[in-house]
Amino acid sequence: MAASLSSTTHTAARSAASASGPRTTDRLAALVADIRAAVGRGLPPDPTAYLVGEKLAPHLGAPGLLTPGQCEGDPERYRQHLLHAEADGSFSVVALVWLPGQRTSVHDHVSWCVTGVHQGEEHERRYRLLPADPPGGRARLVATEDVVNPQGSVCGFAPPGDIHRVWNGGSDKAVSIHVYGADISRLGSSVRRVYDLPADR
């Protein structure tokens, strides 16, 4: 199966944080403190993602959460703004900015993740990996669900079973807040693998 997967790091979105670190608004600082308390409970990935989602939801759409610069897109590809990386590497917060038509590849993740739509809407297609049949053949991906996530929606997940593709299918810019149980300032991306396999589109 490994030969059917691309192991290259997902490079479509790069962090826009400056060398001195991202600028933090008061509201973002409050959100980070709430996330820190939830993660600090030391629960397994699934309940941690649930608790973090509860903390994120009230902040989505709030005008004081992000700076104007943290909502800027890139005409070439969706853009990642690193908002916070916890000093011990236990979690990171990023904003992803999507101009109309921009999308990810099909991918999975290095850790649990919580996503909340701050502005606009995100489209998502979730997949299940089917092993090669017959053995020695090529594995394939089967689409299991199509979701449209409007402003204010929150979803969380933890590997395995976290394969998806995300895109902006609307006519306006979309901004989403992602919380990962990993140090994105070090990794550069939450993506573990990009899937180059036959897939339901």
C-alpha atoms as a PDB file:
ATOM      1  CA  MET A   1       0.000   0.000   0.000  1.00  0.00           C
ATOM      2  CA  ALA A   2       2.848   2.389   0.750  1.00  0.00           C
ATOM      3  CA  ALA A   3       3.776   2.539  -2.925  1.00  0.00           C
ATOM      4  CA  SER A   4       0.300   3.871  -3.697  1.00  0.00           C
ATOM      5  CA  LEU A   5       0.668   6.860  -1.405  1.00  0.00           C
ATOM      6  CA  SER A   6       2.666  10.011  -1.784  1.00  0.00           C
ATOM      7  CA  SER A   7       4.865  10.549   1.269  1.00  0.00           C
ATOM      8  CA  THR A   8       5.918  14.042   0.282  1.00  0.00           C
ATOM      9  CA  THR A   9       5.051  16.816   2.674  1.00  0.00           C
ATOM     10  CA  HIS A  10       1.944  18.763   1.677  1.00  0.00           C
ATOM     11  CA  THR A  11       3.342  22.124   0.548  1.00  0.00           C
ATOM     12  CA  ALA A  12       0.301  23.870  -0.942  1.00  0.00           C
ATOM     13  CA  ALA A  13      -0.154  26.049   2.133  1.00  0.00           C
ATOM     14  CA  ARG A  14       2.765  27.658   3.925  1.00  0.00           C
ATOM     15  CA  SER A  15       2.728  29.467   7.241  1.00  0.00           C
ATOM     16  CA  ALA A  16       2.438  33.234   7.032  1.00  0.00           C
ATOM     17  CA  ALA A  17       3.728  33.845  10.561  1.00  0.00           C
ATOM     18  CA  SER A  18       6.661  36.221  10.865  1.00  0.00           C
ATOM     19  CA  ALA A  19       9.954  35.275  12.457  1.00  0.00           C
ATOM     20  CA  SER A  20       8.931  37.098  15.627  1.00  0.00           C
ATOM     21  CA  GLY A  21       5.735  35.036  15.866  1.00  0.00           C
ATOM     22  CA  PRO A  22       2.123  35.650  14.949  1.00  0.00           C
ATOM     23  CA  ARG A  23       0.216  38.657  16.231  1.00  0.00           C
ATOM     24  CA  THR A  24      -2.390  37.677  18.811  1.00  0.00           C
ATOM     25  CA  THR A  25      -5.650  39.538  19.402  1.00  0.00           C
ATOM     26  CA  ASP A  26      -7.233  39.562  22.854  1.00  0.00           C
ATOM     27  CA  ARG A  27      -9.984  37.246  21.647  1.00  0.00           C
ATOM     28  CA  LEU A  28      -7.504  34.823  20.120  1.00  0.00           C
ATOM     29  CA  ALA A  29      -5.509  34.848  23.371  1.00  0.00           C
ATOM     30  CA  ALA A  30      -8.678  33.911  25.264  1.00  0.00           C
ATOM     31  CA  LEU A  31      -9.372  31.095  22.810  1.00  0.00           C
ATOM     32  CA  VAL A  32      -5.824  29.767  23.169  1.00  0.00           C
ATOM     33  CA  ALA A  33      -6.180  29.772  26.972  1.00  0.00           C
ATOM     34  CA  ASP A  34      -9.411  27.772  26.694  1.00  0.00           C
ATOM     35  CA  ILE A  35      -7.788  25.281  24.305  1.00  0.00           C
ATOM     36  CA  ARG A  36      -4.803  24.946  26.638  1.00  0.00           C
ATOM     37  CA  ALA A  37      -7.116  24.018  29.503  1.00  0.00           C
ATOM     38  CA  ALA A  38      -8.946  21.431  27.383  1.00  0.00           C
ATOM     39  CA  VAL A  39      -5.752  19.841  26.022  1.00  0.00           C
ATOM     40  CA  GLY A  40      -4.176  19.921  29.474  1.00  0.00           C
ATOM     41  CA  ARG A  41      -6.740  17.425  30.738  1.00  0.00           C
ATOM     42  CA  GLY A  42      -4.732  14.732  28.959  1.00  0.00           C
ATOM     43  CA  LEU A  43      -7.712  12.877  27.509  1.00  0.00           C
ATOM     44  CA  PRO A  44      -7.567  10.594  24.442  1.00  0.00           C
ATOM     45  CA  PRO A  45      -7.702  12.236  20.991  1.00  0.00           C
ATOM     46  CA  ASP A  46     -11.458  11.925  20.333  1.00  0.00           C
ATOM     47  CA  PRO A  47     -12.702  13.521  23.584  1.00  0.00           C
ATOM     48  CA  THR A  48      -9.933  16.132  23.355  1.00  0.00           C
ATOM     49  CA  ALA A  49     -11.156  17.143  19.901  1.00  0.00           C
ATOM     50  CA  TYR A  50     -14.730  17.333  21.216  1.00  0.00           C
ATOM     51  CA  LEU A  51     -13.734  19.603  24.121  1.00  0.00           C
ATOM     52  CA  VAL A  52     -11.624  21.835  21.874  1.00  0.00           C
ATOM     53  CA  GLY A  53     -14.547  22.139  19.468  1.00  0.00           C
ATOM     54  CA  GLU A  54     -16.754  23.359  22.317  1.00  0.00           C
ATOM     55  CA  LYS A  55     -14.190  26.060  23.098  1.00  0.00           C
ATOM     56  CA  LEU A  56     -13.790  27.123  19.465  1.00  0.00           C
ATOM     57  CA  ALA A  57     -17.471  27.421  18.506  1.00  0.00           C
ATOM     58  CA  PRO A  58     -18.335  30.659  20.398  1.00  0.00           C
ATOM     59  CA  HIS A  59     -15.479  32.557  18.708  1.00  0.00           C
ATOM     60  CA  LEU A  60     -16.356  31.757  15.092  1.00  0.00           C
ATOM     61  CA  GLY A  61     -17.495  34.807  13.159  1.00  0.00           C
ATOM     62  CA  ALA A  62     -16.435  37.202  15.913  1.00  0.00           C
ATOM     63  CA  PRO A  63     -14.915  40.367  14.383  1.00  0.00           C
ATOM     64  CA  GLY A  64     -12.112  40.588  16.966  1.00  0.00           C
ATOM     65  CA  LEU A  65     -10.706  37.092  16.524  1.00  0.00           C
ATOM     66  CA  LEU A  66      -8.312  37.645  13.602  1.00  0.00           C
ATOM     67  CA  THR A  67      -6.363  40.611  12.304  1.00  0.00           C
ATOM     68  CA  PRO A  68      -6.962  41.744   8.701  1.00  0.00           C
ATOM     69  CA  GLY A  69      -3.599  40.255   7.722  1.00  0.00           C
ATOM     70  CA  GLN A  70      -4.614  36.861   9.098  1.00  0.00           C
ATOM     71  CA  CYS A  71      -7.580  36.854   6.694  1.00  0.00           C
ATOM     72  CA  GLU A  72      -5.508  37.532   3.575  1.00  0.00           C
ATOM     73  CA  GLY A  73      -5.543  34.916   0.829  1.00  0.00           C
ATOM     74  CA  ASP A  74      -3.157  33.981  -1.955  1.00  0.00           C
ATOM     75  CA  PRO A  75      -4.311  33.995  -5.587  1.00  0.00           C
ATOM     76  CA  GLU A  76      -2.221  30.885  -6.325  1.00  0.00           C
ATOM     77  CA  ARG A  77      -3.356  28.513  -3.532  1.00  0.00           C
ATOM     78  CA  TYR A  78      -5.126  28.402  -0.209  1.00  0.00           C
ATOM     79  CA  ARG A  79      -3.084  30.094   2.478  1.00  0.00           C
ATOM     80  CA  GLN A  80      -2.141  29.043   6.014  1.00  0.00           C
ATOM     81  CA  HIS A  81      -1.577  31.622   8.759  1.00  0.00           C
ATOM     82  CA  LEU A  82      -0.001  30.226  11.918  1.00  0.00           C
ATOM     83  CA  LEU A  83      -1.857  31.861  14.820  1.00  0.00           C
ATOM     84  CA  HIS A  84      -0.358  30.006  17.782  1.00  0.00           C
ATOM     85  CA  ALA A  85       1.983  27.108  18.498  1.00  0.00           C
ATOM     86  CA  GLU A  86       2.041  25.939  22.105  1.00  0.00           C
ATOM     87  CA  ALA A  87       5.557  25.952  23.571  1.00  0.00           C
ATOM     88  CA  ASP A  88       5.416  22.257  24.498  1.00  0.00           C
ATOM     89  CA  GLY A  89       4.204  21.248  21.033  1.00  0.00           C
ATOM     90  CA  SER A  90       0.875  19.921  22.317  1.00  0.00           C
ATOM     91  CA  PHE A  91      -1.310  21.966  19.954  1.00  0.00           C
ATOM     92  CA  SER A  92      -1.305  24.650  17.280  1.00  0.00           C
ATOM     93  CA  VAL A  93      -3.920  27.017  15.904  1.00  0.00           C
ATOM     94  CA  VAL A  94      -3.944  28.122  12.256  1.00  0.00           C
ATOM     95  CA  ALA A  95      -6.253  30.080   9.983  1.00  0.00           C
ATOM     96  CA  LEU A  96      -6.743  28.742   6.465  1.00  0.00           C
ATOM     97  CA  VAL A  97      -7.890  31.251   3.857  1.00  0.00           C
ATOM     98  CA  TRP A  98      -9.562  29.954   0.699  1.00  0.00           C
ATOM     99  CA  LEU A  99     -10.334  32.011  -2.352  1.00  0.00           C
ATOM    100  CA  PRO A 100     -13.122  30.654  -4.613  1.00  0.00           C
ATOM    101  CA  GLY A 101     -12.174  27.334  -6.223  1.00  0.00           C
ATOM    102  CA  GLN A 102      -9.088  26.670  -4.083  1.00  0.00           C
ATOM    103  CA  ARG A 103      -8.790  23.159  -2.676  1.00  0.00           C
ATOM    104  CA  THR A 104      -6.571  20.638  -0.950  1.00  0.00           C
ATOM    105  CA  SER A 105      -5.407  17.322  -2.295  1.00  0.00           C
ATOM    106  CA  VAL A 106      -6.875  14.176  -0.722  1.00  0.00           C
ATOM    107  CA  HIS A 107      -4.976  13.771   2.547  1.00  0.00           C
ATOM    108  CA  ASP A 108      -4.956  12.598   6.135  1.00  0.00           C
ATOM    109  CA  HIS A 109      -3.427  14.121   9.264  1.00  0.00           C
ATOM    110  CA  VAL A 110      -0.608  13.814  11.776  1.00  0.00           C
ATOM    111  CA  SER A 111      -2.905  14.291  14.785  1.00  0.00           C
ATOM    112  CA  TRP A 112      -6.416  15.013  16.011  1.00  0.00           C
ATOM    113  CA  CYS A 113      -7.928  18.127  14.471  1.00  0.00           C
ATOM    114  CA  VAL A 114     -10.813  20.518  15.080  1.00  0.00           C
ATOM    115  CA  THR A 115     -12.057  22.776  12.287  1.00  0.00           C
ATOM    116  CA  GLY A 116     -14.419  25.718  12.565  1.00  0.00           C
ATOM    117  CA  VAL A 117     -15.652  27.949   9.748  1.00  0.00           C
ATOM    118  CA  HIS A 118     -15.055  31.596  10.624  1.00  0.00           C
ATOM    119  CA  GLN A 119     -16.204  33.182   7.352  1.00  0.00           C
ATOM    120  CA  GLY A 120     -17.954  31.874   4.244  1.00  0.00           C
ATOM    121  CA  GLU A 121     -18.357  28.129   3.824  1.00  0.00           C
ATOM    122  CA  GLU A 122     -16.172  25.102   3.204  1.00  0.00           C
ATOM    123  CA  HIS A 123     -16.990  22.040   1.138  1.00  0.00           C
ATOM    124  CA  GLU A 124     -15.601  18.690   2.231  1.00  0.00           C
ATOM    125  CA  ARG A 125     -15.547  15.189   0.785  1.00  0.00           C
ATOM    126  CA  ARG A 126     -14.648  12.372   3.167  1.00  0.00           C
ATOM    127  CA  TYR A 127     -13.157   9.067   2.036  1.00  0.00           C
ATOM    128  CA  ARG A 128     -12.595   5.513   3.167  1.00  0.00           C
ATOM    129  CA  LEU A 129      -9.516   3.596   2.035  1.00  0.00           C
ATOM    130  CA  LEU A 130     -10.271   0.217   0.492  1.00  0.00           C
ATOM    131  CA  PRO A 131      -7.362  -2.255   0.441  1.00  0.00           C
ATOM    132  CA  ALA A 132      -6.194  -3.747  -2.809  1.00  0.00           C
ATOM    133  CA  ASP A 133      -8.433  -6.519  -4.152  1.00  0.00           C
ATOM    134  CA  PRO A 134      -7.029  -8.805  -5.357  1.00  0.00           C
ATOM    135  CA  PRO A 135      -3.912  -8.640  -3.174  1.00  0.00           C
ATOM    136  CA  GLY A 136      -1.048  -7.079  -5.063  1.00  0.00           C
ATOM    137  CA  GLY A 137      -3.397  -4.725  -6.868  1.00  0.00           C
ATOM    138  CA  ARG A 138      -3.951  -1.067  -6.094  1.00  0.00           C
ATOM    139  CA  ALA A 139      -5.895   0.285  -3.139  1.00  0.00           C
ATOM    140  CA  ARG A 140      -8.601   2.858  -3.841  1.00  0.00           C
ATOM    141  CA  LEU A 141     -10.580   5.553  -2.077  1.00  0.00           C
ATOM    142  CA  VAL A 142     -14.357   5.549  -1.822  1.00  0.00           C
ATOM    143  CA  ALA A 143     -16.220   8.763  -1.021  1.00  0.00           C
ATOM    144  CA  THR A 144     -18.390   8.286   2.067  1.00  0.00           C
ATOM    145  CA  GLU A 145     -19.873  11.742   2.615  1.00  0.00           C
ATOM    146  CA  ASP A 146     -20.105  15.214   1.089  1.00  0.00           C
ATOM    147  CA  VAL A 147     -20.531  18.053   3.573  1.00  0.00           C
ATOM    148  CA  VAL A 148     -21.027  21.794   3.234  1.00  0.00           C
ATOM    149  CA  ASN A 149     -19.843  23.552   6.391  1.00  0.00           C
ATOM    150  CA  PRO A 150     -21.300  27.072   6.792  1.00  0.00           C
ATOM    151  CA  GLN A 151     -20.000  29.820   9.064  1.00  0.00           C
ATOM    152  CA  GLY A 152     -20.107  28.713  12.684  1.00  0.00           C
ATOM    153  CA  SER A 153     -19.949  24.979  12.000  1.00  0.00           C
ATOM    154  CA  VAL A 154     -17.405  22.876  13.901  1.00  0.00           C
ATOM    155  CA  CYS A 155     -16.156  19.357  13.257  1.00  0.00           C
ATOM    156  CA  GLY A 156     -13.446  17.275  14.867  1.00  0.00           C
ATOM    157  CA  PHE A 157     -11.704  14.005  14.090  1.00  0.00           C
ATOM    158  CA  ALA A 158      -8.719  11.874  14.953  1.00  0.00           C
ATOM    159  CA  PRO A 159      -6.739   9.356  12.890  1.00  0.00           C
ATOM    160  CA  PRO A 160      -7.442   6.812  11.545  1.00  0.00           C
ATOM    161  CA  GLY A 161     -10.481   7.468   9.390  1.00  0.00           C
ATOM    162  CA  ASP A 162      -9.575  11.097   8.708  1.00  0.00           C
ATOM    163  CA  ILE A 163      -9.069  11.090   4.933  1.00  0.00           C
ATOM    164  CA  HIS A 164     -10.691  14.009   3.131  1.00  0.00           C
ATOM    165  CA  ARG A 165     -10.466  16.816   0.597  1.00  0.00           C
ATOM    166  CA  VAL A 166     -11.558  20.399   1.375  1.00  0.00           C
ATOM    167  CA  TRP A 167     -12.343  23.253  -1.005  1.00  0.00           C
ATOM    168  CA  ASN A 168     -14.099  26.578  -1.364  1.00  0.00           C
ATOM    169  CA  GLY A 169     -17.039  25.897  -3.642  1.00  0.00           C
ATOM    170  CA  GLY A 170     -18.596  29.326  -3.144  1.00  0.00           C
ATOM    171  CA  SER A 171     -18.127  32.688  -4.815  1.00  0.00           C
ATOM    172  CA  ASP A 172     -16.650  34.482  -1.773  1.00  0.00           C
ATOM    173  CA  LYS A 173     -13.539  34.063   0.354  1.00  0.00           C
ATOM    174  CA  ALA A 174     -13.718  31.466   3.125  1.00  0.00           C
ATOM    175  CA  VAL A 175     -11.703  31.461   6.354  1.00  0.00           C
ATOM    176  CA  SER A 176     -11.511  28.543   8.761  1.00  0.00           C
ATOM    177  CA  ILE A 177      -9.793  28.037  12.106  1.00  0.00           C
ATOM    178  CA  HIS A 178      -7.990  24.722  12.607  1.00  0.00           C
ATOM    179  CA  VAL A 179      -6.640  23.388  15.900  1.00  0.00           C
ATOM    180  CA  TYR A 180      -4.191  20.494  15.645  1.00  0.00           C
ATOM    181  CA  GLY A 181      -2.671  18.313  18.329  1.00  0.00           C
ATOM    182  CA  ALA A 182       0.803  18.892  16.879  1.00  0.00           C
ATOM    183  CA  ASP A 183       3.463  21.587  16.501  1.00  0.00           C
ATOM    184  CA  ILE A 184       2.679  23.122  13.113  1.00  0.00           C
ATOM    185  CA  SER A 185       5.435  25.706  13.564  1.00  0.00           C
ATOM    186  CA  ARG A 186       7.896  22.802  13.325  1.00  0.00           C
ATOM    187  CA  LEU A 187       6.053  20.519  10.888  1.00  0.00           C
ATOM    188  CA  GLY A 188       4.802  23.265   8.554  1.00  0.00           C
ATOM    189  CA  SER A 189       1.588  21.354   7.829  1.00  0.00           C
ATOM    190  CA  SER A 190      -0.896  19.020   9.511  1.00  0.00           C
ATOM    191  CA  VAL A 191      -0.843  16.639   6.548  1.00  0.00           C
ATOM    192  CA  ARG A 192       0.568  13.168   7.149  1.00  0.00           C
ATOM    193  CA  ARG A 193       0.044  11.693   3.672  1.00  0.00           C
ATOM    194  CA  VAL A 194      -1.253  12.880   0.315  1.00  0.00           C
ATOM    195  CA  TYR A 195      -3.154  10.118  -1.478  1.00  0.00           C
ATOM    196  CA  ASP A 196      -2.399   9.525  -5.136  1.00  0.00           C
ATOM    197  CA  LEU A 197      -4.944   6.757  -5.615  1.00  0.00           C
ATOM    198  CA  PRO A 198      -8.019   6.097  -7.720  1.00  0.00           C
ATOM    199  CA  ALA A 199     -10.823   7.933  -5.906  1.00  0.00           C
ATOM    200  CA  ASP A 200     -14.462   8.849  -6.205  1.00  0.00           C
ATOM    201  CA  ARG A 201     -14.303  12.505  -7.163  1.00  0.00           C
END
